[in-house]
């Protein structure tokens, strides 16, 4: 492997990590995101106001 391949591989790895973190954080930005593990609460359930590091959000 040459140096350019190593740099390219490192950049791709960093981009994939960033993309994964971006997708998993959607639930905390107020964007509707539904999957098998992070679904939205049912309409009958009351939403709770919580605070994370001084930033309020509804859950």
PDB file of N, CA and C in Angstrom:
ATOM      1  N   UNK A   1       0.845  -1.191   0.000  1.00  0.00           N
ATOM      2  CA  UNK A   1       0.000   0.000   0.000  1.00  0.00           C
ATOM      3  C   UNK A   1       0.885   1.248   0.000  1.00  0.00           C
ATOM      4  N   UNK A   2       0.452   2.204  -0.759  1.00  0.00           N
ATOM      5  CA  UNK A   2       1.207   3.437  -0.723  1.00  0.00           C
ATOM      6  C   UNK A   2       0.548   4.429   0.239  1.00  0.00           C
ATOM      7  N   UNK A   3       1.160   5.560   0.388  1.00  0.00           N
ATOM      8  CA  UNK A   3       0.695   6.553   1.359  1.00  0.00           C
ATOM      9  C   UNK A   3      -0.683   7.089   0.985  1.00  0.00           C
ATOM     10  N   UNK A   4      -0.931   7.297  -0.289  1.00  0.00           N
ATOM     11  CA  UNK A   4      -2.228   7.827  -0.708  1.00  0.00           C
ATOM     12  C   UNK A   4      -3.369   6.857  -0.406  1.00  0.00           C
ATOM     13  N   UNK A   5      -3.124   5.558  -0.559  1.00  0.00           N
ATOM     14  CA  UNK A   5      -4.142   4.563  -0.199  1.00  0.00           C
ATOM     15  C   UNK A   5      -4.433   4.599   1.301  1.00  0.00           C
ATOM     16  N   UNK A   6      -3.415   4.749   2.111  1.00  0.00           N
ATOM     17  CA  UNK A   6      -3.608   4.813   3.561  1.00  0.00           C
ATOM     18  C   UNK A   6      -4.422   6.048   3.944  1.00  0.00           C
ATOM     19  N   UNK A   7      -4.110   7.172   3.332  1.00  0.00           N
ATOM     20  CA  UNK A   7      -4.851   8.405   3.615  1.00  0.00           C
ATOM     21  C   UNK A   7      -6.303   8.255   3.173  1.00  0.00           C
ATOM     22  N   UNK A   8      -6.520   7.712   1.978  1.00  0.00           N
ATOM     23  CA  UNK A   8      -7.876   7.513   1.465  1.00  0.00           C
ATOM     24  C   UNK A   8      -8.680   6.591   2.369  1.00  0.00           C
ATOM     25  N   UNK A   9      -8.068   5.505   2.816  1.00  0.00           N
ATOM     26  CA  UNK A   9      -8.743   4.560   3.709  1.00  0.00           C
ATOM     27  C   UNK A   9      -9.126   5.230   5.027  1.00  0.00           C
ATOM     28  N   UNK A  10      -8.230   6.036   5.550  1.00  0.00           N
ATOM     29  CA  UNK A  10      -8.506   6.733   6.807  1.00  0.00           C
ATOM     30  C   UNK A  10      -9.640   7.745   6.630  1.00  0.00           C
ATOM     31  N   UNK A  11      -9.678   8.443   5.504  1.00  0.00           N
ATOM     32  CA  UNK A  11     -10.743   9.410   5.237  1.00  0.00           C
ATOM     33  C   UNK A  11     -12.092   8.718   5.087  1.00  0.00           C
ATOM     34  N   UNK A  12     -12.117   7.579   4.405  1.00  0.00           N
ATOM     35  CA  UNK A  12     -13.367   6.833   4.224  1.00  0.00           C
ATOM     36  C   UNK A  12     -13.871   6.319   5.572  1.00  0.00           C
ATOM     37  N   UNK A  13     -12.978   5.831   6.403  1.00  0.00           N
ATOM     38  CA  UNK A  13     -13.368   5.339   7.727  1.00  0.00           C
ATOM     39  C   UNK A  13     -13.956   6.468   8.571  1.00  0.00           C
ATOM     40  N   UNK A  14     -13.334   7.637   8.543  1.00  0.00           N
ATOM     41  CA  UNK A  14     -13.836   8.779   9.301  1.00  0.00           C
ATOM     42  C   UNK A  14     -15.204   9.220   8.777  1.00  0.00           C
ATOM     43  N   UNK A  15     -15.385   9.214   7.460  1.00  0.00           N
ATOM     44  CA  UNK A  15     -16.671   9.608   6.875  1.00  0.00           C
ATOM     45  C   UNK A  15     -17.775   8.627   7.254  1.00  0.00           C
ATOM     46  N   UNK A  16     -17.478   7.334   7.253  1.00  0.00           N
ATOM     47  CA  UNK A  16     -18.479   6.333   7.634  1.00  0.00           C
ATOM     48  C   UNK A  16     -18.875   6.475   9.100  1.00  0.00           C
ATOM     49  N   UNK A  17     -17.907   6.748   9.964  1.00  0.00           N
ATOM     50  CA  UNK A  17     -18.199   6.968  11.374  1.00  0.00           C
ATOM     51  C   UNK A  17     -19.076   8.202  11.542  1.00  0.00           C
ATOM     52  N   UNK A  18     -18.759   9.274  10.841  1.00  0.00           N
ATOM     53  CA  UNK A  18     -19.543  10.491  10.916  1.00  0.00           C
ATOM     54  C   UNK A  18     -20.971  10.259  10.429  1.00  0.00           C
ATOM     55  N   UNK A  19     -21.126   9.520   9.338  1.00  0.00           N
ATOM     56  CA  UNK A  19     -22.461   9.212   8.814  1.00  0.00           C
ATOM     57  C   UNK A  19     -23.275   8.386   9.815  1.00  0.00           C
ATOM     58  N   UNK A  20     -22.640   7.407  10.441  1.00  0.00           N
ATOM     59  CA  UNK A  20     -23.340   6.568  11.419  1.00  0.00           C
ATOM     60  C   UNK A  20     -23.769   7.391  12.631  1.00  0.00           C
ATOM     61  N   UNK A  21     -22.901   8.264  13.112  1.00  0.00           N
ATOM     62  CA  UNK A  21     -23.258   9.100  14.256  1.00  0.00           C
ATOM     63  C   UNK A  21     -24.367  10.071  13.895  1.00  0.00           C
ATOM     64  N   UNK A  22     -24.343  10.586  12.676  1.00  0.00           N
ATOM     65  CA  UNK A  22     -25.382  11.509  12.218  1.00  0.00           C
ATOM     66  C   UNK A  22     -26.737  10.820  12.174  1.00  0.00           C
ATOM     67  N   UNK A  23     -26.790   9.600  11.658  1.00  0.00           N
ATOM     68  CA  UNK A  23     -28.053   8.873  11.573  1.00  0.00           C
ATOM     69  C   UNK A  23     -28.598   8.515  12.948  1.00  0.00           C
ATOM     70  N   UNK A  24     -27.730   8.114  13.864  1.00  0.00           N
ATOM     71  CA  UNK A  24     -28.197   7.724  15.191  1.00  0.00           C
ATOM     72  C   UNK A  24     -28.628   8.931  16.020  1.00  0.00           C
ATOM     73  N   UNK A  25     -28.144  10.106  15.696  1.00  0.00           N
ATOM     74  CA  UNK A  25     -28.484  11.298  16.471  1.00  0.00           C
ATOM     75  C   UNK A  25     -29.728  12.002  15.951  1.00  0.00           C
ATOM     76  N   UNK A  26     -30.347  11.510  14.895  1.00  0.00           N
ATOM     77  CA  UNK A  26     -31.516  12.177  14.333  1.00  0.00           C
ATOM     78  C   UNK A  26     -32.641  12.317  15.346  1.00  0.00           C
ATOM     79  N   UNK A  27     -32.812  11.340  16.210  1.00  0.00           N
ATOM     80  CA  UNK A  27     -33.906  11.369  17.175  1.00  0.00           C
ATOM     81  C   UNK A  27     -33.783  12.559  18.120  1.00  0.00           C
ATOM     82  N   UNK A  28     -32.598  13.077  18.332  1.00  0.00           N
ATOM     83  CA  UNK A  28     -32.383  14.171  19.267  1.00  0.00           C
ATOM     84  C   UNK A  28     -32.410  15.538  18.593  1.00  0.00           C
ATOM     85  N   UNK A  29     -32.574  15.580  17.253  1.00  0.00           N
ATOM     86  CA  UNK A  29     -32.634  16.853  16.549  1.00  0.00           C
ATOM     87  C   UNK A  29     -34.062  17.231  16.193  1.00  0.00           C
ATOM     88  N   UNK A  30     -35.042  16.482  16.639  1.00  0.00           N
ATOM     89  CA  UNK A  30     -36.420  16.785  16.333  1.00  0.00           C
ATOM     90  C   UNK A  30     -36.871  16.268  14.977  1.00  0.00           C
ATOM     91  N   UNK A  31     -36.039  15.481  14.308  1.00  0.00           N
ATOM     92  CA  UNK A  31     -36.381  14.915  13.015  1.00  0.00           C
ATOM     93  C   UNK A  31     -37.030  13.558  13.246  1.00  0.00           C
ATOM     94  N   UNK A  32     -38.147  13.326  12.600  1.00  0.00           N
ATOM     95  CA  UNK A  32     -38.817  12.030  12.765  1.00  0.00           C
ATOM     96  C   UNK A  32     -37.938  10.928  12.175  1.00  0.00           C
ATOM     97  N   UNK A  33     -37.614   9.948  12.973  1.00  0.00           N
ATOM     98  CA  UNK A  33     -36.753   8.839  12.552  1.00  0.00           C
ATOM     99  C   UNK A  33     -37.269   7.585  13.228  1.00  0.00           C
ATOM    100  N   UNK A  34     -37.707   6.612  12.435  1.00  0.00           N
ATOM    101  CA  UNK A  34     -38.299   5.401  12.997  1.00  0.00           C
ATOM    102  C   UNK A  34     -37.520   4.191  12.497  1.00  0.00           C
ATOM    103  N   UNK A  35     -37.112   3.353  13.419  1.00  0.00           N
ATOM    104  CA  UNK A  35     -36.525   2.070  13.061  1.00  0.00           C
ATOM    105  C   UNK A  35     -36.905   1.064  14.133  1.00  0.00           C
ATOM    106  N   UNK A  36     -36.339  -0.106  14.088  1.00  0.00           N
ATOM    107  CA  UNK A  36     -36.738  -1.182  14.998  1.00  0.00           C
ATOM    108  C   UNK A  36     -36.418  -0.865  16.459  1.00  0.00           C
ATOM    109  N   UNK A  37     -35.425  -0.036  16.714  1.00  0.00           N
ATOM    110  CA  UNK A  37     -35.003   0.211  18.093  1.00  0.00           C
ATOM    111  C   UNK A  37     -35.338   1.613  18.596  1.00  0.00           C
ATOM    112  N   UNK A  38     -35.560   2.564  17.700  1.00  0.00           N
ATOM    113  CA  UNK A  38     -35.803   3.943  18.099  1.00  0.00           C
ATOM    114  C   UNK A  38     -37.071   4.454  17.443  1.00  0.00           C
ATOM    115  N   UNK A  39     -38.217   4.004  17.936  1.00  0.00           N
ATOM    116  CA  UNK A  39     -39.459   4.459  17.336  1.00  0.00           C
ATOM    117  C   UNK A  39     -40.048   5.597  18.159  1.00  0.00           C
ATOM    118  N   UNK A  40     -40.989   6.312  17.554  1.00  0.00           N
ATOM    119  CA  UNK A  40     -41.618   7.430  18.246  1.00  0.00           C
ATOM    120  C   UNK A  40     -42.662   6.908  19.231  1.00  0.00           C
ATOM    121  N   UNK A  41     -42.947   7.675  20.288  1.00  0.00           N
ATOM    122  CA  UNK A  41     -43.954   7.229  21.255  1.00  0.00           C
ATOM    123  C   UNK A  41     -45.344   7.209  20.628  1.00  0.00           C
ATOM    124  N   UNK A  42     -46.180   6.360  21.144  1.00  0.00           N
ATOM    125  CA  UNK A  42     -47.552   6.277  20.663  1.00  0.00           C
ATOM    126  C   UNK A  42     -48.290   7.567  21.029  1.00  0.00           C
ATOM    127  N   UNK A  43     -49.307   7.924  20.254  1.00  0.00           N
ATOM    128  CA  UNK A  43     -50.035   9.174  20.541  1.00  0.00           C
ATOM    129  C   UNK A  43     -50.684   9.193  21.917  1.00  0.00           C
ATOM    130  N   UNK A  44     -51.053   8.034  22.448  1.00  0.00           N
ATOM    131  CA  UNK A  44     -51.697   7.987  23.763  1.00  0.00           C
ATOM    132  C   UNK A  44     -50.715   8.256  24.899  1.00  0.00           C
ATOM    133  N   UNK A  45     -49.437   8.056  24.643  1.00  0.00           N
ATOM    134  CA  UNK A  45     -48.449   8.273  25.685  1.00  0.00           C
ATOM    135  C   UNK A  45     -48.113   9.761  25.793  1.00  0.00           C
ATOM    136  N   UNK A  46     -48.096  10.276  27.020  1.00  0.00           N
ATOM    137  CA  UNK A  46     -47.718  11.689  27.161  1.00  0.00           C
ATOM    138  C   UNK A  46     -46.221  11.863  26.900  1.00  0.00           C
ATOM    139  N   UNK A  47     -45.882  12.982  26.303  1.00  0.00           N
ATOM    140  CA  UNK A  47     -44.463  13.256  26.083  1.00  0.00           C
ATOM    141  C   UNK A  47     -43.890  13.892  27.343  1.00  0.00           C
ATOM    142  N   UNK A  48     -42.637  13.602  27.586  1.00  0.00           N
ATOM    143  CA  UNK A  48     -41.970  14.148  28.765  1.00  0.00           C
ATOM    144  C   UNK A  48     -40.963  15.192  28.319  1.00  0.00           C
ATOM    145  N   UNK A  49     -40.828  16.243  29.105  1.00  0.00           N
ATOM    146  CA  UNK A  49     -39.810  17.247  28.821  1.00  0.00           C
ATOM    147  C   UNK A  49     -38.569  16.875  29.623  1.00  0.00           C
ATOM    148  N   UNK A  50     -37.499  16.611  28.912  1.00  0.00           N
ATOM    149  CA  UNK A  50     -36.243  16.245  29.542  1.00  0.00           C
ATOM    150  C   UNK A  50     -35.169  17.256  29.167  1.00  0.00           C
ATOM    151  N   UNK A  51     -34.068  17.222  29.879  1.00  0.00           N
ATOM    152  CA  UNK A  51     -32.952  18.121  29.596  1.00  0.00           C
ATOM    153  C   UNK A  51     -31.681  17.308  29.514  1.00  0.00           C
ATOM    154  N   UNK A  52     -30.901  17.553  28.469  1.00  0.00           N
ATOM    155  CA  UNK A  52     -29.613  16.901  28.297  1.00  0.00           C
ATOM    156  C   UNK A  52     -28.557  17.975  28.104  1.00  0.00           C
ATOM    157  N   UNK A  53     -27.645  18.043  29.044  1.00  0.00           N
ATOM    158  CA  UNK A  53     -26.580  19.048  29.014  1.00  0.00           C
ATOM    159  C   UNK A  53     -27.125  20.455  28.810  1.00  0.00           C
ATOM    160  N   UNK A  54     -28.207  20.744  29.509  1.00  0.00           N
ATOM    161  CA  UNK A  54     -28.777  22.083  29.478  1.00  0.00           C
ATOM    162  C   UNK A  54     -29.677  22.355  28.290  1.00  0.00           C
ATOM    163  N   UNK A  55     -29.894  21.385  27.415  1.00  0.00           N
ATOM    164  CA  UNK A  55     -30.756  21.585  26.251  1.00  0.00           C
ATOM    165  C   UNK A  55     -32.040  20.766  26.434  1.00  0.00           C
ATOM    166  N   UNK A  56     -33.196  21.438  26.490  1.00  0.00           N
ATOM    167  CA  UNK A  56     -34.456  20.704  26.671  1.00  0.00           C
ATOM    168  C   UNK A  56     -34.900  20.011  25.383  1.00  0.00           C
ATOM    169  N   UNK A  57     -35.576  18.877  25.551  1.00  0.00           N
ATOM    170  CA  UNK A  57     -36.173  18.170  24.434  1.00  0.00           C
ATOM    171  C   UNK A  57     -37.339  17.348  24.945  1.00  0.00           C
ATOM    172  N   UNK A  58     -38.252  16.989  24.048  1.00  0.00           N
ATOM    173  CA  UNK A  58     -39.426  16.186  24.405  1.00  0.00           C
ATOM    174  C   UNK A  58     -39.172  14.743  24.045  1.00  0.00           C
ATOM    175  N   UNK A  59     -39.611  13.858  24.931  1.00  0.00           N
ATOM    176  CA  UNK A  59     -39.456  12.416  24.656  1.00  0.00           C
ATOM    177  C   UNK A  59     -40.738  11.714  25.006  1.00  0.00           C
TER     178      UNK A  59
END
